[in-house]
N, C-alpha and C. Protein backbone atom coordinates (compact mmCIF):
# COMPACT_ATOMS: atom_id res chain seq x y z
N MET A 1 34.11 6.57 -21.57
CA MET A 1 34.54 5.55 -20.05
C MET A 1 34.19 6.47 -18.55
N ALA A 2 33.58 5.45 -17.87
CA ALA A 2 32.98 6.69 -16.65
C ALA A 2 34.21 7.16 -16.04
N ALA A 3 34.37 7.61 -15.00
CA ALA A 3 35.85 8.09 -14.15
C ALA A 3 35.21 7.26 -13.08
N ALA A 4 36.41 6.69 -12.83
CA ALA A 4 36.71 6.06 -11.42
C ALA A 4 36.24 7.16 -10.46
N ILE A 5 35.29 6.25 -8.80
CA ILE A 5 34.96 7.02 -8.01
C ILE A 5 35.88 6.66 -6.64
N GLN A 6 36.71 8.15 -6.44
CA GLN A 6 37.72 8.54 -5.71
C GLN A 6 36.84 8.37 -4.38
N VAL A 7 37.68 7.33 -3.44
CA VAL A 7 37.01 7.11 -2.14
C VAL A 7 37.91 7.36 -1.40
N ALA A 8 37.11 8.48 -0.48
CA ALA A 8 37.82 8.59 0.74
C ALA A 8 38.54 8.09 1.83
N SER A 9 39.67 8.21 2.17
CA SER A 9 39.81 8.00 2.93
C SER A 9 39.11 7.80 4.44
N LEU A 10 39.57 7.15 5.91
CA LEU A 10 39.20 7.33 6.67
C LEU A 10 39.50 8.49 7.42
N GLU A 11 40.49 9.19 7.49
CA GLU A 11 41.22 10.55 8.21
C GLU A 11 40.23 11.30 7.47
N THR A 12 39.89 11.29 6.13
CA THR A 12 39.32 12.48 5.48
C THR A 12 37.98 12.56 6.04
N LEU A 13 37.48 11.24 6.18
CA LEU A 13 35.93 10.67 6.86
C LEU A 13 35.92 11.48 8.56
N GLN A 14 36.87 11.12 9.25
CA GLN A 14 36.65 11.01 10.13
C GLN A 14 36.84 13.29 10.33
N GLY A 15 37.81 13.30 9.53
CA GLY A 15 38.01 15.19 9.85
C GLY A 15 36.67 15.80 9.35
N GLN A 16 36.25 15.41 8.57
CA GLN A 16 34.74 16.12 7.83
C GLN A 16 33.58 15.78 9.28
N HIS A 17 33.61 14.66 10.11
CA HIS A 17 32.82 14.63 10.29
C HIS A 17 33.20 15.41 12.16
N VAL A 18 33.59 15.85 12.68
CA VAL A 18 34.05 16.80 12.94
C VAL A 18 33.83 18.25 13.18
N VAL A 19 33.86 18.28 11.66
CA VAL A 19 33.49 19.89 10.88
C VAL A 19 32.37 19.48 11.32
N MET A 20 31.80 18.72 11.17
CA MET A 20 30.11 18.61 10.80
C MET A 20 29.57 18.54 11.90
N ARG A 21 29.87 17.71 12.83
CA ARG A 21 29.76 18.59 14.80
C ARG A 21 29.68 19.87 15.32
N GLU A 22 30.93 19.95 14.73
CA GLU A 22 31.15 21.59 15.12
C GLU A 22 30.34 22.70 14.09
N ARG A 23 29.55 22.53 13.07
CA ARG A 23 29.09 23.37 12.63
C ARG A 23 27.03 22.96 12.95
N LEU A 24 26.88 21.68 13.16
CA LEU A 24 25.68 21.47 14.59
C LEU A 24 25.66 22.09 15.19
N GLN A 25 26.42 22.20 16.37
CA GLN A 25 26.74 22.88 17.49
C GLN A 25 26.62 23.99 17.18
N LYS A 26 26.79 25.17 16.15
CA LYS A 26 26.76 26.27 16.10
C LYS A 26 25.54 26.89 15.64
N PHE A 27 24.97 25.81 14.63
CA PHE A 27 23.50 26.31 13.84
C PHE A 27 22.28 25.96 15.10
N SER A 28 22.50 25.02 15.99
CA SER A 28 21.90 25.05 16.87
C SER A 28 21.48 26.07 17.66
N GLN A 29 22.72 26.92 18.05
CA GLN A 29 22.40 27.96 18.43
C GLN A 29 21.82 29.16 18.22
N GLU A 30 21.50 29.51 16.76
CA GLU A 30 20.78 30.21 16.07
C GLU A 30 19.89 29.71 15.64
N GLU A 31 19.12 31.27 15.10
CA GLU A 31 18.15 31.13 14.46
C GLU A 31 18.11 31.02 13.06
N PRO A 32 17.30 30.70 12.27
CA PRO A 32 16.05 29.71 12.62
C PRO A 32 16.46 28.43 12.89
N TYR A 33 17.28 28.26 12.46
CA TYR A 33 17.47 26.18 13.31
C TYR A 33 17.41 25.99 14.68
N GLN A 34 17.76 27.12 15.65
CA GLN A 34 17.34 26.53 17.02
C GLN A 34 16.32 26.71 17.22
N GLY A 35 15.08 26.97 16.71
CA GLY A 35 13.84 27.26 16.97
C GLY A 35 13.61 25.66 15.98
N ARG A 36 13.89 25.75 15.03
CA ARG A 36 13.33 24.15 13.97
C ARG A 36 14.00 23.43 14.52
N TRP A 37 15.07 23.13 14.93
CA TRP A 37 15.12 22.02 16.04
C TRP A 37 15.51 21.47 17.00
N LYS A 38 14.64 22.50 17.40
CA LYS A 38 14.03 22.40 19.13
C LYS A 38 13.82 20.92 19.85
N ALA A 39 12.99 20.49 18.84
CA ALA A 39 12.02 19.08 19.22
C ALA A 39 12.83 18.55 18.92
N ALA A 40 13.57 17.87 17.64
CA ALA A 40 14.69 16.84 17.24
C ALA A 40 15.51 16.91 18.32
N LEU A 41 16.36 18.30 18.62
CA LEU A 41 17.35 18.32 19.43
C LEU A 41 17.04 17.10 20.77
N ALA A 42 15.62 17.91 21.36
CA ALA A 42 15.51 17.26 23.12
C ALA A 42 15.20 15.89 22.59
N MET A 43 15.32 15.26 21.76
CA MET A 43 15.56 13.77 21.84
C MET A 43 16.50 13.38 22.16
N ASP A 44 17.40 13.45 21.70
CA ASP A 44 19.16 13.05 21.88
C ASP A 44 20.07 14.62 21.88
N MET A 45 19.80 15.68 22.63
CA MET A 45 21.23 16.65 23.14
C MET A 45 22.61 16.08 22.55
N THR A 46 22.64 15.20 23.90
CA THR A 46 23.95 14.34 23.87
C THR A 46 25.01 14.48 22.66
N GLN A 47 24.21 14.22 21.64
CA GLN A 47 25.20 13.83 20.88
C GLN A 47 25.97 14.90 19.89
N PHE A 48 25.06 16.42 20.19
CA PHE A 48 25.65 17.30 19.75
C PHE A 48 26.25 18.36 20.84
N GLY A 49 26.28 17.33 21.92
CA GLY A 49 27.45 18.01 23.13
C GLY A 49 26.20 19.16 23.83
N ILE A 50 25.05 18.98 24.25
CA ILE A 50 24.44 20.26 24.32
C ILE A 50 23.24 19.56 25.43
N GLN A 51 23.41 20.10 26.60
CA GLN A 51 22.49 19.58 27.95
C GLN A 51 20.75 19.69 27.24
N THR A 52 20.30 18.38 27.55
CA THR A 52 19.05 18.29 27.58
C THR A 52 18.47 19.75 28.18
N GLN A 53 17.42 20.35 27.84
CA GLN A 53 16.66 21.33 28.40
C GLN A 53 15.66 21.22 29.72
N LYS A 54 15.49 21.90 30.66
CA LYS A 54 14.94 21.82 32.18
C LYS A 54 14.09 22.86 32.00
N ASP A 55 12.88 22.74 32.40
CA ASP A 55 11.99 23.40 33.22
C ASP A 55 12.73 24.49 34.49
N ALA A 56 11.41 25.32 34.57
CA ALA A 56 12.18 25.79 36.60
C ALA A 56 12.27 25.25 37.34
N ASP A 57 11.11 23.77 37.51
CA ASP A 57 11.79 22.61 38.58
C ASP A 57 12.54 21.92 38.29
N GLY A 58 13.21 22.13 37.66
CA GLY A 58 14.53 20.99 37.24
C GLY A 58 14.21 19.70 36.36
N HIS A 59 12.89 19.42 35.97
CA HIS A 59 12.24 18.30 35.14
C HIS A 59 13.05 18.82 33.87
N GLU A 60 12.98 17.48 32.59
CA GLU A 60 13.62 17.84 31.53
C GLU A 60 12.25 17.91 30.26
N VAL A 61 12.38 18.93 29.81
CA VAL A 61 11.27 19.16 28.72
C VAL A 61 10.76 18.27 27.94
N LYS A 62 9.88 17.81 27.50
CA LYS A 62 9.37 16.86 26.99
C LYS A 62 8.25 17.68 25.74
N PHE A 63 9.36 17.22 24.46
CA PHE A 63 8.66 17.95 22.79
C PHE A 63 7.98 16.67 22.52
N LYS A 64 6.50 17.28 21.86
CA LYS A 64 6.12 16.38 21.16
C LYS A 64 6.24 16.63 19.68
N ASP A 65 5.64 15.45 18.56
CA ASP A 65 6.00 15.22 17.30
C ASP A 65 7.16 16.02 16.66
N CYS A 66 7.76 15.34 17.04
CA CYS A 66 9.60 15.19 16.84
C CYS A 66 9.82 14.80 15.55
N SER A 67 10.47 14.94 14.73
CA SER A 67 11.21 14.39 13.58
C SER A 67 12.39 15.03 13.38
N GLU A 68 13.12 13.45 13.86
CA GLU A 68 14.17 13.55 13.76
C GLU A 68 15.19 13.62 11.87
N THR A 69 14.05 13.51 11.07
CA THR A 69 14.69 14.29 9.68
C THR A 69 14.65 15.74 9.34
N VAL A 70 14.42 16.74 10.37
CA VAL A 70 14.25 17.80 10.15
C VAL A 70 15.54 18.53 10.30
N ILE A 71 16.50 17.90 10.71
CA ILE A 71 18.17 18.46 11.14
C ILE A 71 18.39 17.61 9.76
N MET A 72 18.03 16.46 9.34
CA MET A 72 18.82 16.01 8.05
C MET A 72 19.19 16.26 6.97
N ARG A 73 17.36 17.10 6.75
CA ARG A 73 17.17 17.83 5.75
C ARG A 73 17.74 19.02 5.70
N ASP A 74 18.16 20.15 6.61
CA ASP A 74 18.90 21.17 6.45
C ASP A 74 20.61 21.11 5.90
N VAL A 75 20.90 19.43 6.77
CA VAL A 75 22.31 19.40 6.39
C VAL A 75 22.34 18.80 5.04
N PHE A 76 21.51 18.65 4.38
CA PHE A 76 21.42 18.29 2.78
C PHE A 76 21.20 19.35 2.25
N THR A 77 20.81 20.41 2.33
CA THR A 77 20.18 21.44 1.71
C THR A 77 20.62 23.08 1.99
N VAL A 78 21.15 23.33 3.17
CA VAL A 78 21.83 24.36 3.90
C VAL A 78 23.33 24.45 3.75
N PRO A 79 24.19 25.02 2.29
CA PRO A 79 25.54 25.14 2.32
C PRO A 79 26.04 25.48 3.35
N GLY A 80 25.72 26.15 4.18
CA GLY A 80 26.68 26.44 5.35
C GLY A 80 26.92 24.97 6.18
N LEU A 81 25.95 24.21 5.73
CA LEU A 81 26.47 22.63 6.63
C LEU A 81 27.41 21.74 5.90
N TYR A 82 26.51 21.99 5.01
CA TYR A 82 27.41 20.83 3.81
C TYR A 82 28.85 21.10 2.96
N GLU A 83 28.96 22.51 2.85
CA GLU A 83 30.27 22.91 2.03
C GLU A 83 31.30 22.29 2.21
N GLY A 84 31.93 21.59 1.40
CA GLY A 84 33.40 21.16 1.88
C GLY A 84 33.42 19.66 2.16
N LEU A 85 32.08 19.26 2.66
CA LEU A 85 31.93 18.16 3.38
C LEU A 85 31.35 16.98 2.78
N HIS A 86 31.57 17.17 1.63
CA HIS A 86 30.68 15.94 0.17
C HIS A 86 31.01 14.54 0.57
N ASP A 87 32.36 14.48 1.03
CA ASP A 87 32.55 12.93 1.11
C ASP A 87 32.05 12.35 2.56
N TRP A 88 32.29 12.91 2.93
CA TRP A 88 31.16 12.67 4.80
C TRP A 88 29.57 12.78 4.09
N LEU A 89 29.62 13.50 3.49
CA LEU A 89 27.38 13.18 3.15
C LEU A 89 27.31 11.93 2.27
N TYR A 90 28.11 12.11 1.23
CA TYR A 90 28.47 10.62 0.21
C TYR A 90 28.22 8.94 1.54
N ALA A 91 29.09 9.49 2.27
CA ALA A 91 29.12 7.90 3.47
C ALA A 91 27.78 8.18 4.12
N PHE A 92 27.54 9.26 4.40
CA PHE A 92 26.14 9.58 5.58
C PHE A 92 25.25 9.05 4.67
N THR A 93 25.24 9.32 3.73
CA THR A 93 23.69 8.78 2.69
C THR A 93 24.03 7.10 2.41
N HIS A 94 25.28 6.68 2.34
CA HIS A 94 25.56 5.08 2.18
C HIS A 94 24.48 4.52 3.46
N ALA A 95 25.06 5.00 4.73
CA ALA A 95 25.11 4.30 5.95
C ALA A 95 23.63 4.65 6.07
N ALA A 96 22.81 5.69 5.99
CA ALA A 96 21.53 5.91 6.61
C ALA A 96 20.69 5.01 5.37
N LEU A 97 20.80 4.65 4.24
CA LEU A 97 20.17 4.02 3.22
C LEU A 97 20.28 2.14 3.21
N LYS A 98 21.16 2.38 4.09
CA LYS A 98 21.61 0.88 4.24
C LYS A 98 21.01 0.03 5.38
N PHE A 99 20.88 0.62 6.48
CA PHE A 99 20.40 0.27 7.42
C PHE A 99 18.81 0.44 7.38
N GLN A 100 18.14 -0.82 7.53
CA GLN A 100 16.40 -1.12 7.84
C GLN A 100 15.81 0.23 8.74
N ASN A 101 14.81 0.27 7.87
CA ASN A 101 13.88 1.27 8.89
C ASN A 101 12.90 0.18 9.71
N GLU A 102 12.46 0.69 11.53
CA GLU A 102 11.58 0.14 11.64
C GLU A 102 10.77 -1.03 11.34
N ALA A 103 9.75 -0.09 10.55
CA ALA A 103 8.83 -1.02 9.59
C ALA A 103 9.45 -2.75 9.01
N VAL A 104 10.39 -2.12 8.35
CA VAL A 104 10.74 -3.49 7.69
C VAL A 104 11.54 -4.36 8.39
N ILE A 105 12.17 -3.81 9.60
CA ILE A 105 12.51 -4.83 10.90
C ILE A 105 11.72 -5.31 11.36
N GLU A 106 10.39 -4.77 11.62
CA GLU A 106 9.53 -5.72 11.98
C GLU A 106 8.36 -6.84 11.43
N GLY A 107 8.70 -6.35 9.80
CA GLY A 107 8.09 -7.32 8.96
C GLY A 107 9.23 -8.01 8.75
N GLN A 108 10.05 -7.93 9.16
CA GLN A 108 11.36 -9.49 8.93
C GLN A 108 10.97 -10.29 9.80
N GLY A 109 10.66 -9.83 11.12
CA GLY A 109 10.98 -10.40 12.39
C GLY A 109 9.94 -11.70 12.72
N SER A 110 8.65 -10.47 11.99
CA SER A 110 7.46 -11.90 11.58
C SER A 110 7.41 -12.78 10.75
N LYS A 111 8.01 -12.68 9.89
CA LYS A 111 8.66 -13.86 8.79
C LYS A 111 9.60 -14.95 9.52
N ILE A 112 10.89 -14.51 10.48
CA ILE A 112 11.39 -14.83 11.29
C ILE A 112 10.74 -15.81 11.85
N ASP A 113 9.42 -15.09 12.85
CA ASP A 113 8.85 -16.23 13.69
C ASP A 113 8.18 -17.20 13.61
N ARG A 114 8.10 -17.17 11.94
CA ARG A 114 7.20 -18.36 11.47
C ARG A 114 7.87 -19.43 10.88
N HIS A 115 8.98 -18.85 10.62
CA HIS A 115 10.26 -20.54 10.43
C HIS A 115 10.60 -20.35 11.51
N ALA A 116 10.94 -19.78 12.42
CA ALA A 116 11.42 -20.26 13.94
C ALA A 116 10.51 -21.10 14.79
N ASP A 117 9.57 -21.64 14.46
CA ASP A 117 8.29 -22.37 15.39
C ASP A 117 9.44 -23.42 15.91
N LYS A 118 9.14 -23.58 17.03
CA LYS A 118 10.14 -24.98 17.84
C LYS A 118 9.46 -26.34 17.37
N ALA A 119 8.19 -26.43 16.87
CA ALA A 119 7.35 -27.50 16.57
C ALA A 119 8.49 -27.98 15.82
N ARG A 120 8.62 -26.80 14.51
CA ARG A 120 9.51 -27.61 13.36
C ARG A 120 10.71 -28.27 13.82
N GLY A 121 11.47 -27.80 14.84
CA GLY A 121 13.11 -28.30 14.94
C GLY A 121 14.40 -27.77 14.47
N LEU A 122 14.26 -26.59 13.94
CA LEU A 122 15.09 -25.72 12.85
C LEU A 122 16.07 -25.42 14.28
N THR A 123 17.43 -25.37 13.17
CA THR A 123 18.33 -24.76 14.35
C THR A 123 17.91 -23.15 13.55
N GLN A 124 18.78 -22.20 14.22
CA GLN A 124 18.87 -20.83 14.11
C GLN A 124 19.52 -20.68 12.45
N GLU A 125 20.10 -21.68 12.23
CA GLU A 125 21.00 -21.33 11.08
C GLU A 125 19.82 -21.67 9.74
N LYS A 126 19.10 -22.50 10.38
CA LYS A 126 18.37 -23.11 9.28
C LYS A 126 17.25 -21.83 8.64
N TYR A 127 16.53 -21.81 10.19
CA TYR A 127 15.54 -21.02 9.34
C TYR A 127 15.80 -19.79 9.40
N VAL A 128 17.02 -19.16 9.91
CA VAL A 128 17.23 -17.88 8.75
C VAL A 128 17.66 -17.58 7.37
N MET A 129 18.55 -18.98 7.03
CA MET A 129 18.37 -19.25 5.64
C MET A 129 17.11 -19.52 4.94
N GLU A 130 15.69 -19.62 5.97
CA GLU A 130 14.48 -19.85 4.78
C GLU A 130 14.19 -18.81 4.99
N SER A 131 14.10 -17.78 5.99
CA SER A 131 13.16 -16.81 5.67
C SER A 131 14.30 -15.52 5.08
N PHE A 132 15.40 -15.72 4.99
CA PHE A 132 16.13 -15.10 4.01
C PHE A 132 15.57 -15.54 2.34
N VAL A 133 15.51 -16.47 2.01
CA VAL A 133 14.63 -17.38 0.92
C VAL A 133 13.45 -16.47 0.82
N ASP A 134 12.54 -16.63 1.76
CA ASP A 134 10.97 -16.35 1.58
C ASP A 134 11.25 -14.70 2.16
N TYR A 135 11.96 -13.85 2.45
CA TYR A 135 11.70 -12.41 1.98
C TYR A 135 12.21 -12.21 0.72
N ASN A 136 13.54 -12.35 0.34
CA ASN A 136 13.97 -11.96 -0.54
C ASN A 136 13.75 -13.16 -2.43
N GLY A 137 13.33 -14.28 -2.10
CA GLY A 137 13.02 -15.05 -3.50
C GLY A 137 11.62 -14.45 -3.78
N PRO A 138 11.57 -15.38 -5.35
CA PRO A 138 10.43 -14.62 -5.95
C PRO A 138 9.20 -15.13 -5.20
N VAL A 139 7.69 -14.42 -5.81
CA VAL A 139 6.81 -15.31 -4.78
C VAL A 139 6.57 -16.05 -6.05
N SER A 140 5.44 -17.33 -4.81
CA SER A 140 5.33 -18.82 -5.14
C SER A 140 5.18 -19.17 -6.34
N HIS A 141 4.53 -18.41 -7.06
CA HIS A 141 3.50 -18.35 -8.31
C HIS A 141 4.67 -18.35 -9.19
N GLU A 142 5.80 -17.81 -9.10
CA GLU A 142 6.45 -17.10 -10.03
C GLU A 142 8.21 -18.35 -9.90
N ALA A 143 7.69 -18.87 -8.94
CA ALA A 143 9.26 -19.69 -8.13
C ALA A 143 9.66 -20.93 -8.91
N ASP A 144 9.03 -21.70 -9.82
CA ASP A 144 9.26 -22.39 -10.78
C ASP A 144 11.10 -22.73 -11.11
N GLU A 145 11.26 -21.66 -11.36
CA GLU A 145 13.00 -21.71 -12.44
C GLU A 145 13.59 -22.04 -10.81
N PHE A 146 13.31 -20.93 -9.64
CA PHE A 146 14.29 -21.11 -8.84
C PHE A 146 14.11 -22.18 -7.65
N ILE A 147 12.82 -22.72 -7.87
CA ILE A 147 12.94 -24.18 -6.98
C ILE A 147 13.37 -25.24 -7.85
N ILE A 148 13.53 -25.23 -9.07
CA ILE A 148 14.14 -26.09 -10.39
C ILE A 148 15.67 -26.11 -10.06
N LYS A 149 16.20 -24.69 -9.84
CA LYS A 149 17.57 -24.60 -10.03
C LYS A 149 17.97 -25.10 -8.45
N ALA A 150 17.39 -24.83 -7.37
CA ALA A 150 17.97 -25.03 -5.72
C ALA A 150 17.64 -26.58 -5.73
N LEU A 151 16.64 -27.73 -6.19
CA LEU A 151 16.59 -28.91 -6.44
C LEU A 151 17.69 -29.52 -7.21
N ASP A 152 17.70 -28.78 -8.61
CA ASP A 152 19.35 -29.30 -9.01
C ASP A 152 20.91 -29.53 -8.95
N LYS A 153 20.44 -28.34 -7.75
CA LYS A 153 22.02 -28.01 -6.62
C LYS A 153 21.91 -29.45 -5.61
N ARG A 154 21.11 -29.78 -4.94
CA ARG A 154 20.67 -30.27 -4.28
C ARG A 154 20.57 -31.74 -4.26
N PHE A 155 19.75 -32.23 -5.32
CA PHE A 155 19.39 -33.62 -6.08
C PHE A 155 20.28 -33.83 -7.08
N GLU A 156 20.88 -34.98 -7.85
CA GLU A 156 21.23 -35.61 -8.91
C GLU A 156 19.48 -36.02 -9.67
N ARG A 157 19.75 -35.69 -10.82
CA ARG A 157 18.04 -36.13 -11.86
C ARG A 157 19.26 -37.74 -12.18
N SER A 158 17.77 -38.57 -12.06
CA SER A 158 17.93 -39.32 -12.91
C SER A 158 18.26 -39.75 -14.42
N ARG A 159 17.92 -40.64 -14.77
CA ARG A 159 17.79 -40.69 -16.31
C ARG A 159 16.76 -39.99 -16.96
N ASP A 160 15.74 -40.23 -16.31
CA ASP A 160 14.37 -39.90 -16.89
C ASP A 160 14.21 -37.90 -16.81
N GLY A 161 15.48 -37.72 -15.95
CA GLY A 161 14.95 -36.05 -15.80
C GLY A 161 13.99 -36.00 -14.21
N ALA A 162 13.73 -36.85 -13.31
CA ALA A 162 13.16 -36.18 -12.45
C ALA A 162 13.69 -36.83 -11.58
N TRP A 163 13.56 -35.78 -10.43
CA TRP A 163 14.35 -36.62 -9.22
C TRP A 163 13.28 -37.25 -8.12
N HIS A 164 14.18 -37.89 -7.77
CA HIS A 164 13.55 -39.52 -7.47
C HIS A 164 13.74 -39.11 -5.80
N PHE A 165 13.12 -39.35 -4.96
CA PHE A 165 13.44 -39.03 -3.54
C PHE A 165 13.10 -40.09 -2.63
N THR A 166 14.04 -40.55 -2.09
CA THR A 166 13.66 -42.11 -0.98
C THR A 166 13.93 -41.58 0.58
N SER A 167 12.87 -42.58 1.45
CA SER A 167 12.94 -42.24 2.30
C SER A 167 13.40 -43.86 3.43
N THR A 168 13.55 -43.68 4.76
CA THR A 168 14.18 -45.31 5.16
C THR A 168 12.96 -45.37 6.45
N ASP A 169 12.34 -46.39 6.46
CA ASP A 169 11.89 -46.82 7.82
C ASP A 169 12.63 -46.94 8.90
N GLU A 170 12.36 -47.29 10.10
CA GLU A 170 13.02 -47.52 11.18
C GLU A 170 13.77 -48.42 11.63
N ARG A 171 13.76 -49.06 10.16
CA ARG A 171 15.03 -50.35 10.14
C ARG A 171 15.72 -49.99 8.99
N GLY A 172 15.72 -48.36 8.25
CA GLY A 172 16.80 -48.81 7.40
C GLY A 172 16.10 -48.60 6.08
N ARG A 173 15.44 -49.34 6.03
CA ARG A 173 14.58 -49.65 4.60
C ARG A 173 14.32 -48.54 3.91
N ALA A 174 14.64 -48.76 2.80
CA ALA A 174 14.17 -47.47 1.57
C ALA A 174 12.62 -48.21 0.90
N LYS A 175 11.59 -46.45 1.05
CA LYS A 175 10.69 -46.55 1.32
C LYS A 175 10.71 -45.66 -0.02
N PRO A 176 10.61 -45.89 -1.68
CA PRO A 176 10.63 -45.13 -2.60
C PRO A 176 9.28 -44.84 -2.66
N TRP A 177 9.22 -43.61 -3.38
CA TRP A 177 8.17 -42.52 -3.72
C TRP A 177 8.40 -41.66 -5.06
N GLY A 178 7.62 -41.44 -6.40
CA GLY A 178 7.76 -40.53 -7.09
C GLY A 178 8.76 -39.07 -6.71
N VAL A 179 7.89 -39.00 -5.95
CA VAL A 179 8.16 -37.14 -5.39
C VAL A 179 8.46 -37.68 -3.74
N SER A 180 7.27 -38.06 -2.91
CA SER A 180 7.21 -38.53 -1.48
C SER A 180 5.60 -38.70 -1.52
N GLN A 181 5.79 -39.33 0.08
CA GLN A 181 4.43 -40.50 -0.07
C GLN A 181 3.52 -39.07 0.31
N VAL A 182 3.33 -37.64 0.69
CA VAL A 182 2.34 -37.23 0.85
C VAL A 182 1.93 -36.52 -0.83
N VAL A 183 2.97 -35.92 -1.43
CA VAL A 183 2.76 -35.74 -2.73
C VAL A 183 2.19 -36.44 -3.61
N ASP A 184 2.87 -37.94 -3.33
CA ASP A 184 2.13 -38.91 -4.36
C ASP A 184 0.51 -39.47 -4.15
N ARG A 185 0.08 -39.26 -2.81
CA ARG A 185 -1.07 -39.71 -2.35
C ARG A 185 -1.69 -38.42 -3.13
N HIS A 186 -1.44 -37.29 -2.96
CA HIS A 186 -2.45 -36.11 -3.51
C HIS A 186 -2.35 -35.77 -5.25
N MET A 187 -1.35 -36.65 -6.24
CA MET A 187 -1.43 -36.75 -7.45
C MET A 187 -2.18 -37.52 -7.53
N LYS A 188 -2.59 -38.77 -6.76
CA LYS A 188 -3.68 -39.76 -7.20
C LYS A 188 -5.30 -38.93 -7.11
N LYS A 189 -5.32 -37.86 -6.12
CA LYS A 189 -6.79 -37.24 -6.43
C LYS A 189 -7.19 -37.16 -7.50
N ARG A 190 -8.93 -36.58 -7.82
CA ARG A 190 -9.24 -36.17 -8.83
C ARG A 190 -9.66 -34.98 -8.68
N SER A 191 -10.35 -34.20 -9.52
CA SER A 191 -10.95 -33.39 -9.15
C SER A 191 -12.30 -33.63 -8.83
N ARG A 192 -13.28 -32.77 -8.54
CA ARG A 192 -14.49 -32.77 -8.42
C ARG A 192 -15.19 -32.90 -9.39
N LEU A 193 -15.02 -31.70 -10.04
CA LEU A 193 -15.30 -31.10 -11.69
C LEU A 193 -13.89 -31.27 -12.94
N PRO A 194 -13.87 -32.10 -13.31
CA PRO A 194 -12.82 -32.59 -14.40
C PRO A 194 -12.20 -31.40 -15.38
N PHE A 195 -13.58 -30.82 -15.95
CA PHE A 195 -13.37 -29.47 -16.63
C PHE A 195 -12.70 -28.41 -15.79
N MET A 196 -12.67 -28.26 -15.04
CA MET A 196 -12.53 -27.00 -13.70
C MET A 196 -10.60 -27.22 -13.82
N GLU A 197 -9.57 -28.69 -14.63
CA GLU A 197 -8.77 -28.50 -14.59
C GLU A 197 -7.67 -28.06 -16.08
N CYS A 198 -9.10 -27.61 -17.01
CA CYS A 198 -8.62 -26.56 -17.81
C CYS A 198 -7.66 -27.19 -18.45
N LYS A 199 -7.48 -28.76 -18.96
CA LYS A 199 -6.58 -29.87 -19.70
C LYS A 199 -7.11 -29.70 -21.38
N ASP A 200 -6.64 -29.78 -22.27
CA ASP A 200 -6.60 -29.85 -23.36
C ASP A 200 -7.10 -31.35 -23.82
């Protein structure tokens, strides 16, 4: 049997977090880390308790080609930083991997925009649900089983094993179709080249 994972207490994580912060502050003042972290620290010096660097005229120094992963790499590879803080590293790794990066968020936002078109009249809850299925669900040509299960959950099948949808007119009179008015109309269409249907 696999050994059970021991989850550290919040107090343990908070204590290790303080130690990590102190080590980062110390290392940021020493070489080679001071030079290597200079650009990354300039992006947010305050998180390490260090004032943003300024030039002779008092203007904040701007560094280009910064990479915030520089410090993260050292945190995981330099023993002097991570020794004794394995619980914190474990929690940090999960948090870092759990949050989506900007590229993923932008892609998800584009999908939500398509589902949230005002012309569709959906509530926020509904278009978020649609977007979730769109983003995480199977691609359309592999979605048959997914759709069948969703329809079974929402509609009861009749004796012939099919779903029969009905709609009503403005007077509440039922207008039955095999599937829907639009689908039934398209089902009556025939291909221009019947042999392209690949039917036996």
